[in-house]
C-alpha cells in the first residue's frame, strides 16, 4: 500500500445534573487560519446541563479540549482546530503555500523534500523554508528542525508505518538502512517495530543519533497501517499507539482491493463466524462492502478501542485518498473523498490527512493539490477519472475544508450521546451540543453495510422537539414533530448536517 513516509486525561461523560464546570470550557470557534480566538457564546454550564433532554449525556472529544496545550504551549493551536492538510506536500514557494490556505488546509502532515538539498532542484531548496510556511498562515507537523523553525511547527513527525515495515518487537535497528522492512532490524529479519517507533518518540537509544527534532518539546505524530488495524493482537497493536501523541492508521477503503480479504476487512468488520470472515478463511468483503465511504469510520473506532487498553484517549486523524494512490487504475471520486472524510469526523476524528499523491491513473503526480490549483500547470485539466480534473478535485476538497471551517467550533464541542437515533437505517450519525444548540451530522451507510439509494431516514431526537430543522449549506429546512423529522439520502456519498431549532 502507499506509505505515508503525564497526567491522565480521560474521555468522560457527564450525565444531566452532574457537576461539570470544565465540560464546555475551552470550546472555541476559531477561524481556520486566524490567530485570534472567537469564543462561542455558550450559556452558563449549569444552565446548559439543566436544559439537556432526559437521558442525554455529554462526552468530550478524544484527548479533551486542551490535550495539545498540556504537552506544549506552542502546540495549543491544534486544540482549537479540526486539523486539515495533505500528506508530504512539497511547497516550493509562498505561492504554493497560498494554494493550501485557499483550499482551507491548515497544517502540513510531514513535508517532502530536503531544505538543504539544492542540487536536485536547480540550485533552489527542495522544500520551502519554514519562514514562508509561517508567513503564509500554515502550520506543520514537521519532519525536522532547521534554523528557520518557528511557531508554524506545532508537532513533529516520527516514523511511518513502523508496524507494517518492521513488525512488533524490540530487536535492534539500523537507522541508516533504507530497506523499510525487517531486513533493517538487527538481527536481519527479526522484529524491531517498537524500537523504531520508540526512537522517534523519545530519542532512545541515543546511540542511534537524533530523530531530527528535539524530543519532548512538541507532540509526536506517528502513523501506522494494516499491522495495527488488522494483523496484530490487541496487545501488540495497542503498544504501538503508546509511541504517538496523535493517532492514525491508514487503510484506503475506496481504492485498495486487498482490503476485501478476510485477513483484512472481512474479519475486522464482521464476526469470526460470518461468511465474510469464516474464522479467517471466509470469502472476504464484496466490492460494495469494501469500497464504501462509511468504512473510514472503522479507522477511528478501531483505534479508539485499542487506545482504551492504554488508558487515556488521544486525538485521531484519518487518511483519505483524493485520487489514485496505487500503481493501477483504482481511483476515488471527489464525492466519495468528501463522504469518507465526513464519516471519519462523525466517528470522532480530530483531523483529516489528505493523501494527494497519484501513483496510478491518468494523472500520475505527487503535487496534485498544487497542479490542480495552478491554471498554468499542464496537469490542471488532467482527468484523473472520467470528467474529474485535478482542478475539480481541488474544488471539491476545498468545499469540504471550508465547510468544516465554518463548523469548526461545533465539531470540537462535546458529543451529545443518546440525543439522536435512526432506527435500523444504514446511516451514521453524531450529535453535538454547542452554543446552546444541538447539531446532528449524518452520512449515508454504516461500516460494511452499503446503503440503498434514495433512502428515507426518520430521525428521532430526544426531548420530543417540534419545530424547524435547518439543513446546513443546502438552503432548505425541515420540520420536526414530536422529536421526529425525515430526510432522504441519495446514495453512499450523501451527508447532511442539521441544526435543531432556530
Protein backbone atom coordinates (compact mmCIF):
# COMPACT_ATOMS: atom_id res chain seq x y z
CA UNK A 1 0.00 0.00 0.00
CA UNK A 2 1.21 3.59 -0.41
CA UNK A 3 3.34 4.76 2.50
CA UNK A 4 2.63 7.95 4.38
CA UNK A 5 6.58 8.15 4.56
CA UNK A 6 1.67 12.96 32.15
CA UNK A 7 -1.48 13.50 33.93
CA UNK A 8 -4.12 11.18 32.70
CA UNK A 9 -6.81 12.88 30.62
CA UNK A 10 -9.81 10.61 30.44
CA UNK A 11 -12.64 10.53 27.93
CA UNK A 12 -15.58 11.12 30.19
CA UNK A 13 -19.29 11.68 30.06
CA UNK A 14 -21.31 13.95 32.31
CA UNK A 15 -24.91 12.97 32.97
CA UNK A 16 -27.69 15.52 33.24
CA UNK A 17 -27.47 17.40 36.51
CA UNK A 18 -23.89 16.39 37.34
CA UNK A 19 -21.27 18.98 38.16
CA UNK A 20 -19.37 19.80 35.01
CA UNK A 21 -17.80 23.23 35.13
CA UNK A 22 -14.98 22.18 32.83
CA UNK A 23 -17.11 20.43 30.27
CA UNK A 24 -17.74 23.32 27.93
CA UNK A 25 -14.63 25.29 28.81
CA UNK A 26 -12.08 25.73 26.09
CA UNK A 27 -14.51 25.28 23.19
CA UNK A 28 -13.84 27.95 20.58
CA UNK A 29 -14.99 28.74 17.07
CA UNK A 30 -11.59 29.77 15.77
CA UNK A 31 -11.15 30.85 12.18
CA UNK A 32 -9.31 28.16 10.21
CA UNK A 33 -6.27 30.35 9.63
CA UNK A 34 -6.78 33.06 12.23
CA UNK A 35 -4.59 33.63 15.24
CA UNK A 36 -7.24 35.22 17.47
CA UNK A 37 -9.90 33.05 19.07
CA UNK A 38 -13.57 33.95 18.80
CA UNK A 39 -15.25 32.16 21.72
CA UNK A 40 -18.63 30.60 21.17
CA UNK A 41 -21.37 32.37 23.08
CA UNK A 42 -22.15 29.50 25.38
CA UNK A 43 -24.76 29.73 28.10
CA UNK A 44 -23.76 29.07 31.67
CA UNK A 45 -22.69 25.50 32.23
CA UNK A 46 -25.33 24.76 34.84
CA UNK A 47 -28.00 26.18 32.51
CA UNK A 48 -26.72 24.14 29.55
CA UNK A 49 -26.64 20.90 31.55
CA UNK A 50 -30.02 21.54 33.11
CA UNK A 51 -31.57 22.07 29.68
CA UNK A 52 -30.42 18.74 28.26
CA UNK A 53 -33.25 16.36 27.44
CA UNK A 54 -33.65 13.42 29.78
CA UNK A 55 -31.17 10.62 29.10
CA UNK A 56 -28.73 12.78 27.09
CA UNK A 57 -25.14 12.95 28.32
CA UNK A 58 -22.19 15.00 27.10
CA UNK A 59 -18.85 13.41 26.23
CA UNK A 60 -15.67 15.27 25.46
CA UNK A 61 -13.73 14.87 22.22
CA UNK A 62 -10.86 12.38 22.31
CA UNK A 63 -7.98 13.79 24.32
CA UNK A 64 -10.09 16.59 25.73
CA UNK A 65 -10.18 20.28 24.71
CA UNK A 66 -6.67 21.14 25.97
CA UNK A 67 -4.78 17.97 25.04
CA UNK A 68 -2.02 19.53 22.92
CA UNK A 69 -1.52 22.57 25.14
CA UNK A 70 -0.76 20.26 28.06
CA UNK A 71 2.04 18.68 26.02
CA UNK A 72 3.42 22.03 24.83
CA UNK A 73 2.06 25.59 24.99
CA UNK A 74 3.46 26.03 21.48
CA UNK A 75 1.03 23.38 20.27
CA UNK A 76 -2.15 24.90 21.73
CA UNK A 77 -3.27 25.97 18.25
CA UNK A 78 -4.01 22.31 17.49
CA UNK A 79 -6.62 22.16 20.26
CA UNK A 80 -8.74 24.77 18.53
CA UNK A 81 -8.83 23.39 15.02
CA UNK A 82 -10.08 20.40 13.12
CA UNK A 83 -6.73 19.58 11.52
CA UNK A 84 -6.86 19.53 7.72
CA UNK A 85 -3.88 19.02 5.45
CA UNK A 86 -2.09 16.87 2.93
CA UNK A 87 0.50 14.18 3.48
CA UNK A 88 4.03 15.05 2.34
CA UNK A 89 3.32 18.09 0.26
CA UNK A 90 6.36 19.89 -1.09
CA UNK A 91 5.64 23.63 -1.20
CA UNK A 92 8.48 25.36 -3.02
CA UNK A 93 7.24 28.94 -2.84
CA UNK A 94 4.98 31.34 -0.99
CA UNK A 95 2.54 30.99 -3.89
CA UNK A 96 2.16 27.26 -3.26
CA UNK A 97 1.64 27.85 0.46
CA UNK A 98 -1.17 30.24 -0.52
CA UNK A 99 -2.76 27.46 -2.56
CA UNK A 100 -3.07 25.40 0.62
CA UNK A 101 -4.55 28.33 2.52
CA UNK A 102 -7.06 28.93 -0.28
CA UNK A 103 -8.08 25.27 -0.13
CA UNK A 104 -8.85 25.56 3.57
CA UNK A 105 -5.94 23.38 4.65
CA UNK A 106 -4.32 24.47 7.88
CA UNK A 107 -1.47 22.03 8.53
CA UNK A 108 1.21 20.12 6.63
CA UNK A 109 1.35 16.49 7.71
CA UNK A 110 5.06 15.98 7.13
CA UNK A 111 6.92 17.72 4.28
CA UNK A 112 8.55 16.19 1.23
CA UNK A 113 11.99 17.27 0.08
CA UNK A 114 15.05 18.40 1.96
CA UNK A 115 15.53 22.13 2.65
CA UNK A 116 19.35 21.90 2.43
CA UNK A 117 19.36 19.89 -0.83
CA UNK A 118 19.69 22.32 -3.76
CA UNK A 119 21.37 20.02 -6.29
CA UNK A 120 18.18 18.22 -7.28
CA UNK A 121 16.11 21.39 -7.65
CA UNK A 122 18.26 23.51 -9.97
CA UNK A 123 20.07 25.39 -7.23
CA UNK A 124 16.98 26.16 -5.13
CA UNK A 125 15.95 24.39 -1.93
CA UNK A 126 13.79 21.31 -2.50
CA UNK A 127 11.41 22.36 0.23
CA UNK A 128 10.21 25.83 1.14
CA UNK A 129 11.72 27.06 4.37
CA UNK A 130 9.64 27.41 7.49
CA UNK A 131 9.66 31.22 7.28
CA UNK A 132 7.46 31.03 4.19
CA UNK A 133 5.11 28.48 5.75
CA UNK A 134 4.75 30.64 8.84
CA UNK A 135 4.24 33.86 6.87
CA UNK A 136 1.56 32.14 4.79
CA UNK A 137 -0.51 31.23 7.84
CA UNK A 138 0.09 27.49 7.65
CA UNK A 139 1.26 25.12 10.38
CA UNK A 140 3.28 21.92 10.23
CA UNK A 141 3.73 18.58 11.84
CA UNK A 142 7.33 18.84 10.76
CA UNK A 143 9.92 16.16 9.99
CA UNK A 144 12.82 18.18 11.38
CA UNK A 145 14.13 21.42 12.85
CA UNK A 146 16.10 23.96 10.83
CA UNK A 147 17.40 27.46 11.51
CA UNK A 148 14.07 28.74 10.15
CA UNK A 149 11.85 26.73 12.52
CA UNK A 150 9.34 28.81 14.47
CA UNK A 151 5.74 28.96 15.63
CA UNK A 152 4.48 27.21 12.49
CA UNK A 153 5.83 23.93 13.87
CA UNK A 154 3.15 22.63 16.22
CA UNK A 155 4.14 18.95 16.16
CA UNK A 156 6.85 16.64 14.85
CA UNK A 157 6.55 13.67 12.50
CA UNK A 158 8.17 10.41 13.54
CA UNK A 159 8.23 7.12 11.66
CA UNK A 160 5.57 5.97 9.25
CA UNK A 161 4.00 2.51 9.34
CA UNK A 162 6.63 1.01 11.61
CA UNK A 163 4.09 -1.71 12.40
CA UNK A 164 3.91 -2.86 8.77
CA UNK A 165 7.56 -2.35 7.93
CA UNK A 166 9.23 -3.86 10.98
CA UNK A 167 6.57 -5.85 12.88
CA UNK A 168 6.07 -5.93 16.65
CA UNK A 169 9.35 -6.33 18.51
CA UNK A 170 12.18 -4.68 20.43
CA UNK A 171 15.16 -6.01 18.49
CA UNK A 172 17.89 -3.69 17.29
CA UNK A 173 17.53 -1.42 14.28
CA UNK A 174 19.92 0.03 11.74
CA UNK A 175 18.83 3.70 11.32
CA UNK A 176 20.94 4.21 8.18
CA UNK A 177 19.35 1.29 6.35
CA UNK A 178 16.66 2.16 3.83
CA UNK A 179 15.01 -1.17 3.03
CA UNK A 180 12.00 -0.22 5.14
CA UNK A 181 11.44 -3.84 6.05
CA UNK A 182 12.61 -6.32 8.66
CA UNK A 183 15.99 -6.63 6.96
CA UNK A 184 16.75 -3.30 8.66
CA UNK A 185 16.30 -4.95 12.04
CA UNK A 186 19.22 -6.44 13.98
CA UNK A 187 19.50 -9.34 13.54
CA UNK A 188 18.22 -9.05 9.98
CA UNK A 189 14.74 -10.46 9.59
CA UNK A 190 13.78 -10.04 13.22
CA UNK A 191 11.09 -7.69 14.55
CA UNK A 192 12.04 -4.16 15.62
CA UNK A 193 8.92 -2.01 15.08
CA UNK A 194 8.69 -0.94 18.71
CA UNK A 195 12.35 0.03 18.68
CA UNK A 196 11.82 2.27 15.65
CA UNK A 197 8.65 3.89 16.98
CA UNK A 198 10.19 4.40 20.43
CA UNK A 199 13.27 6.10 18.96
CA UNK A 200 11.17 8.68 17.10
CA UNK A 201 9.01 9.17 20.18
CA UNK A 202 11.61 9.58 22.91
CA UNK A 203 15.00 9.52 21.13
CA UNK A 204 16.18 6.34 22.84
CA UNK A 205 18.61 4.76 22.45
CA UNK A 206 20.71 7.89 21.99
CA UNK A 207 23.32 5.82 20.13
CA UNK A 208 21.01 5.91 17.10
CA UNK A 209 21.55 9.66 16.78
CA UNK A 210 18.93 12.40 16.58
CA UNK A 211 15.44 11.89 15.17
CA UNK A 212 15.79 15.35 13.58
CA UNK A 213 13.84 17.28 16.19
CA UNK A 214 14.09 17.95 19.94
CA UNK A 215 12.32 15.12 21.74
CA UNK A 216 9.91 16.25 24.44
CA UNK A 217 9.32 19.72 23.03
CA UNK A 218 6.23 19.13 20.88
CA UNK A 219 3.68 16.36 20.28
CA UNK A 220 4.87 13.47 18.10
CA UNK A 221 2.76 12.14 15.23
CA UNK A 222 3.41 8.59 14.03
CA UNK A 223 1.10 6.86 11.59
CA UNK A 224 0.50 3.13 11.48
CA UNK A 225 -1.11 0.78 9.00
CA UNK A 226 -2.53 -2.68 8.48
CA UNK A 227 -0.48 -4.24 11.26
CA UNK A 228 -2.29 -2.20 13.89
CA UNK A 229 -5.67 -2.31 12.15
CA UNK A 230 -5.82 -5.95 11.10
CA UNK A 231 -2.93 -8.30 11.71
CA UNK A 232 -1.63 -7.86 15.24
CA UNK A 233 -3.08 -8.92 18.54
CA UNK A 234 -4.79 -6.20 20.53
CA UNK A 235 -1.87 -6.03 22.94
CA UNK A 236 0.69 -5.71 20.14
CA UNK A 237 -1.31 -3.04 18.31
CA UNK A 238 -2.04 -1.03 21.46
CA UNK A 239 1.67 -0.96 22.30
CA UNK A 240 2.41 0.90 19.05
CA UNK A 241 -0.14 3.55 19.99
CA UNK A 242 1.84 4.43 23.13
CA UNK A 243 4.54 5.93 20.88
CA UNK A 244 2.43 8.70 19.34
CA UNK A 245 0.51 11.68 20.68
CA UNK A 246 -1.76 11.88 17.63
CA UNK A 247 -3.03 8.52 16.44
CA UNK A 248 -3.70 7.26 12.92
CA UNK A 249 -3.58 4.05 10.92
CA UNK A 250 -4.33 4.17 7.23
CA UNK A 251 -6.49 1.94 5.08
CA UNK A 252 -7.69 3.24 1.73
CA UNK A 253 -11.05 1.52 1.55
CA UNK A 254 -12.14 3.03 -1.75
CA UNK A 255 -9.03 2.12 -3.75
CA UNK A 256 -7.25 -0.84 -2.09
CA UNK A 257 -8.85 -4.11 -3.29
CA UNK A 258 -6.74 -6.19 -0.88
CA UNK A 259 -8.95 -4.85 1.92
CA UNK A 260 -11.54 -7.29 0.55
CA UNK A 261 -9.58 -10.18 2.07
CA UNK A 262 -10.86 -11.98 5.13
CA UNK A 263 -7.49 -11.30 6.78
CA UNK A 264 -8.13 -7.58 6.42
CA UNK A 265 -11.61 -6.10 6.05
CA UNK A 266 -13.56 -9.34 6.31
CA UNK A 267 -12.61 -10.29 9.86
CA UNK A 268 -12.07 -6.70 11.02
CA UNK A 269 -15.62 -5.62 10.23
CA UNK A 270 -17.62 -8.84 10.63
CA UNK A 271 -17.73 -11.52 13.32
CA UNK A 272 -15.45 -14.59 13.16
CA UNK A 273 -18.41 -16.83 12.28
CA UNK A 274 -19.64 -14.62 9.43
CA UNK A 275 -19.44 -15.54 5.76
CA UNK A 276 -17.00 -12.67 5.25
CA UNK A 277 -14.60 -13.84 7.95
CA UNK A 278 -15.15 -17.57 8.27
CA UNK A 279 -12.62 -17.83 11.06
CA UNK A 280 -10.04 -16.17 8.85
CA UNK A 281 -10.75 -18.24 5.75
CA UNK A 282 -14.02 -16.71 4.61
CA UNK A 283 -14.94 -15.04 1.36
CA UNK A 284 -13.91 -11.56 2.48
CA UNK A 285 -15.80 -8.41 1.56
CA UNK A 286 -17.61 -7.80 -1.67
CA UNK A 287 -16.52 -4.71 -3.57
CA UNK A 288 -19.66 -2.91 -2.43
CA UNK A 289 -18.94 -3.75 1.19
CA UNK A 290 -15.31 -2.63 0.90
CA UNK A 291 -15.41 0.42 -1.41
CA UNK A 292 -17.65 2.33 0.96
CA UNK A 293 -17.08 5.82 2.44
CA UNK A 294 -18.68 4.64 5.68
CA UNK A 295 -15.74 2.28 6.28
CA UNK A 296 -13.42 5.18 7.10
CA UNK A 297 -15.24 5.34 10.42
CA UNK A 298 -13.64 1.97 11.24
CA UNK A 299 -10.20 3.62 11.21
CA UNK A 300 -11.41 5.80 14.10
CA UNK A 301 -13.40 3.35 16.17
CA UNK A 302 -10.79 0.59 15.97
CA UNK A 303 -8.03 2.92 17.13
CA UNK A 304 -10.29 4.19 19.93
CA UNK A 305 -10.92 0.59 21.01
CA UNK A 306 -7.22 -0.22 21.04
CA UNK A 307 -6.20 3.00 22.76
CA UNK A 308 -8.72 2.33 25.53
CA UNK A 309 -6.47 -0.56 26.55
CA UNK A 310 -3.72 2.00 27.20
CA UNK A 311 -5.93 4.29 29.27
CA UNK A 312 -6.49 7.93 28.27
CA UNK A 313 -7.92 8.75 24.87
CA UNK A 314 -5.87 10.63 22.26
CA UNK A 315 -6.86 12.64 19.16
CA UNK A 316 -7.20 10.58 15.99
CA UNK A 317 -6.64 11.60 12.37
CA UNK A 318 -7.81 9.65 9.34
CA UNK A 319 -6.11 9.26 5.96
CA UNK A 320 -8.37 9.80 2.95
CA UNK A 321 -7.18 9.45 -0.64
CA UNK A 322 -8.10 12.13 -3.16
CA UNK A 323 -7.27 10.30 -6.41
CA UNK A 324 -5.36 7.20 -7.48
CA UNK A 325 -2.90 6.23 -4.72
CA UNK A 326 -1.83 2.86 -6.14
CA UNK A 327 0.03 1.96 -9.32
CA UNK A 328 -3.18 0.84 -11.03
CA UNK A 329 -6.41 2.47 -12.09
CA UNK A 330 -8.24 2.21 -8.77
CA UNK A 331 -9.27 5.79 -8.10
CA UNK A 332 -11.64 7.57 -5.76
CA UNK A 333 -14.01 10.29 -6.95
CA UNK A 334 -14.30 13.64 -5.12
CA UNK A 335 -17.79 12.94 -3.76
CA UNK A 336 -16.54 9.74 -2.12
CA UNK A 337 -13.49 11.54 -0.71
CA UNK A 338 -15.72 14.09 0.96
CA UNK A 339 -18.12 11.43 2.23
CA UNK A 340 -15.24 9.36 3.63
CA UNK A 341 -13.92 12.39 5.49
CA UNK A 342 -17.35 13.16 6.91
CA UNK A 343 -17.71 9.58 8.13
CA UNK A 344 -14.34 9.93 9.86
CA UNK A 345 -15.41 13.15 11.61
CA UNK A 346 -18.79 11.68 12.57
CA UNK A 347 -16.91 8.76 14.17
CA UNK A 348 -14.92 11.28 16.21
CA UNK A 349 -11.76 12.07 14.22
CA UNK A 350 -9.96 15.32 15.04
CA UNK A 351 -8.42 15.72 11.60
CA UNK A 352 -8.04 14.54 8.02
CA UNK A 353 -4.79 13.64 6.26
CA UNK A 354 -5.40 14.05 2.53
CA UNK A 355 -3.32 11.53 0.57
CA UNK A 356 -2.99 13.63 -2.58
CA UNK A 357 -0.37 11.60 -4.47
CA UNK A 358 -1.43 9.88 -7.69
CA UNK A 359 0.79 6.85 -8.28
CA UNK A 360 -1.71 5.46 -10.79
CA UNK A 361 -4.43 6.57 -13.13
CA UNK A 362 -4.15 9.15 -15.91
CA UNK A 363 -2.60 11.96 -13.84
CA UNK A 364 0.40 10.44 -12.07
CA UNK A 365 1.61 13.27 -9.91
CA UNK A 366 2.71 13.88 -6.33
CA UNK A 367 1.69 17.57 -6.39
CA UNK A 368 -1.98 17.21 -7.28
CA UNK A 369 -3.19 19.95 -4.91
CA UNK A 370 -0.77 22.46 -6.42
CA UNK A 371 -1.24 21.37 -10.02
CA UNK A 372 -4.98 21.43 -9.51
CA UNK A 373 -4.78 24.94 -8.08
CA UNK A 374 -2.47 26.47 -10.69
CA UNK A 375 -4.14 27.25 -14.06
CA UNK A 376 -0.66 27.44 -15.62
CA UNK A 377 0.14 23.84 -14.76
CA UNK A 378 -0.07 21.37 -17.64
CA UNK A 379 -1.78 18.99 -15.19
CA UNK A 380 -4.51 21.46 -14.23
CA UNK A 381 -7.12 19.93 -16.56
CA UNK A 382 -5.77 16.38 -16.47
CA UNK A 383 -8.65 13.97 -15.82
CA UNK A 384 -7.68 11.57 -13.05
CA UNK A 385 -11.02 9.88 -13.60
CA UNK A 386 -13.52 10.49 -16.37
CA UNK A 387 -14.82 14.03 -16.10
CA UNK A 388 -12.80 14.76 -12.92
CA UNK A 389 -9.84 17.06 -13.47
CA UNK A 390 -7.23 17.83 -10.87
CA UNK A 391 -8.81 21.27 -10.64
CA UNK A 392 -12.30 19.93 -9.97
CA UNK A 393 -10.83 17.57 -7.36
CA UNK A 394 -9.22 20.56 -5.63
CA UNK A 395 -12.53 22.45 -5.75
CA UNK A 396 -14.36 19.56 -4.07
CA UNK A 397 -11.78 19.10 -1.31
CA UNK A 398 -11.80 22.87 -0.79
CA UNK A 399 -15.58 22.82 -0.37
CA UNK A 400 -15.25 20.18 2.35
CA UNK A 401 -12.45 22.04 4.12
CA UNK A 402 -14.27 25.35 4.17
CA UNK A 403 -17.48 23.81 5.42
CA UNK A 404 -15.55 22.16 8.23
CA UNK A 405 -14.01 25.56 8.94
CA UNK A 406 -17.46 27.07 9.40
CA UNK A 407 -18.43 24.22 11.75
CA UNK A 408 -15.03 24.06 13.47
CA UNK A 409 -16.24 25.10 16.91
CA UNK A 410 -19.22 22.76 16.72
CA UNK A 411 -17.07 19.78 15.75
CA UNK A 412 -14.78 20.44 18.72
CA UNK A 413 -17.73 20.68 21.12
CA UNK A 414 -18.92 17.79 23.30
CA UNK A 415 -20.78 14.85 21.82
CA UNK A 416 -24.44 14.67 22.82
CA UNK A 417 -24.83 10.98 23.49
CA UNK A 418 -28.28 9.39 23.17
CA UNK A 419 -29.68 12.55 21.60
CA UNK A 420 -30.44 11.16 18.13
CA UNK A 421 -31.35 7.75 16.70
CA UNK A 422 -32.27 6.49 13.23
CA UNK A 423 -33.79 3.10 13.97
CA UNK A 424 -32.34 0.46 11.68
CA UNK A 425 -31.37 2.81 8.84
CA UNK A 426 -27.92 2.45 7.28
CA UNK A 427 -26.90 5.95 8.30
CA UNK A 428 -24.05 7.03 10.58
CA UNK A 429 -24.99 9.83 12.97
CA UNK A 430 -23.35 12.11 15.51
CA UNK A 431 -24.92 14.78 17.70
CA UNK A 432 -23.09 17.78 19.14
CA UNK A 433 -24.09 20.33 21.74
CA UNK A 434 -22.63 23.78 21.08
CA UNK A 435 -23.67 27.33 21.96
CA UNK A 436 -26.92 26.08 23.43
CA UNK A 437 -27.97 24.20 20.31
CA UNK A 438 -27.93 20.63 19.06
CA UNK A 439 -26.33 19.74 15.74
CA UNK A 440 -26.88 16.39 14.04
CA UNK A 441 -24.37 15.14 11.48
CA UNK A 442 -25.46 12.22 9.30
CA UNK A 443 -23.82 10.33 6.43
CA UNK A 444 -25.23 7.51 4.35
CA UNK A 445 -24.01 4.00 5.15
CA UNK A 446 -22.55 2.22 8.15
CA UNK A 447 -19.32 0.22 8.32
CA UNK A 448 -19.53 -2.72 5.94
CA UNK A 449 -23.15 -2.02 5.02
CA UNK A 450 -23.83 -0.27 1.69
CA UNK A 451 -26.95 1.91 1.88
CA UNK A 452 -29.87 1.86 -0.51
CA UNK A 453 -30.20 4.71 -2.98
CA UNK A 454 -32.79 7.41 -2.28
CA UNK A 455 -33.15 6.12 1.25
CA UNK A 456 -35.67 7.90 3.51
CA UNK A 457 -34.39 8.22 7.05
CA UNK A 458 -36.52 9.02 10.09
CA UNK A 459 -34.54 10.84 12.78
CA UNK A 460 -35.72 10.73 16.38
CA UNK A 461 -34.27 13.40 18.68
CA UNK A 462 -34.60 13.48 22.43
CA UNK A 463 -36.99 15.85 24.13
CA UNK A 464 -39.85 15.49 21.64
CA UNK A 465 -38.76 18.68 19.87
CA UNK A 466 -41.28 20.25 17.49
CA UNK A 467 -40.15 22.97 15.13
CA UNK A 468 -37.73 23.94 12.40
CA UNK A 469 -34.71 21.82 11.45
CA UNK A 470 -32.20 23.74 9.31
CA UNK A 471 -30.16 21.76 6.79
CA UNK A 472 -26.73 23.39 6.81
CA UNK A 473 -25.41 24.66 3.50
CA UNK A 474 -28.38 23.42 1.45
CA UNK A 475 -30.73 26.41 1.60
CA UNK A 476 -33.62 24.33 2.91
CA UNK A 477 -35.31 23.41 6.14
CA UNK A 478 -37.31 20.51 7.52
CA UNK A 479 -39.92 20.29 10.24
CA UNK A 480 -39.77 18.08 13.31
CA UNK A 481 -42.93 16.92 15.06
CA UNK A 482 -42.72 15.27 18.49
CA UNK A 483 -39.00 14.73 18.01
CA UNK A 484 -39.20 13.15 14.54
CA UNK A 485 -38.10 14.52 11.19
CA UNK A 486 -37.40 12.79 7.87
CA UNK A 487 -34.86 13.35 5.11
CA UNK A 488 -33.64 11.45 2.04
CA UNK A 489 -30.12 10.21 1.31
CA UNK A 490 -29.47 9.83 -2.40
CA UNK A 491 -26.52 7.41 -2.32
CA UNK A 492 -23.46 6.25 -0.37
CA UNK A 493 -21.78 9.66 -0.84
CA UNK A 494 -24.61 11.67 0.73
CA UNK A 495 -24.28 13.53 4.01
CA UNK A 496 -26.36 16.20 5.74
CA UNK A 497 -25.89 18.41 8.78
CA UNK A 498 -28.89 19.67 10.77
CA UNK A 499 -29.37 22.40 13.32
CA UNK A 500 -32.21 21.61 15.68
CA UNK A 501 -34.09 24.79 16.44
CA UNK A 502 -33.73 28.37 15.26
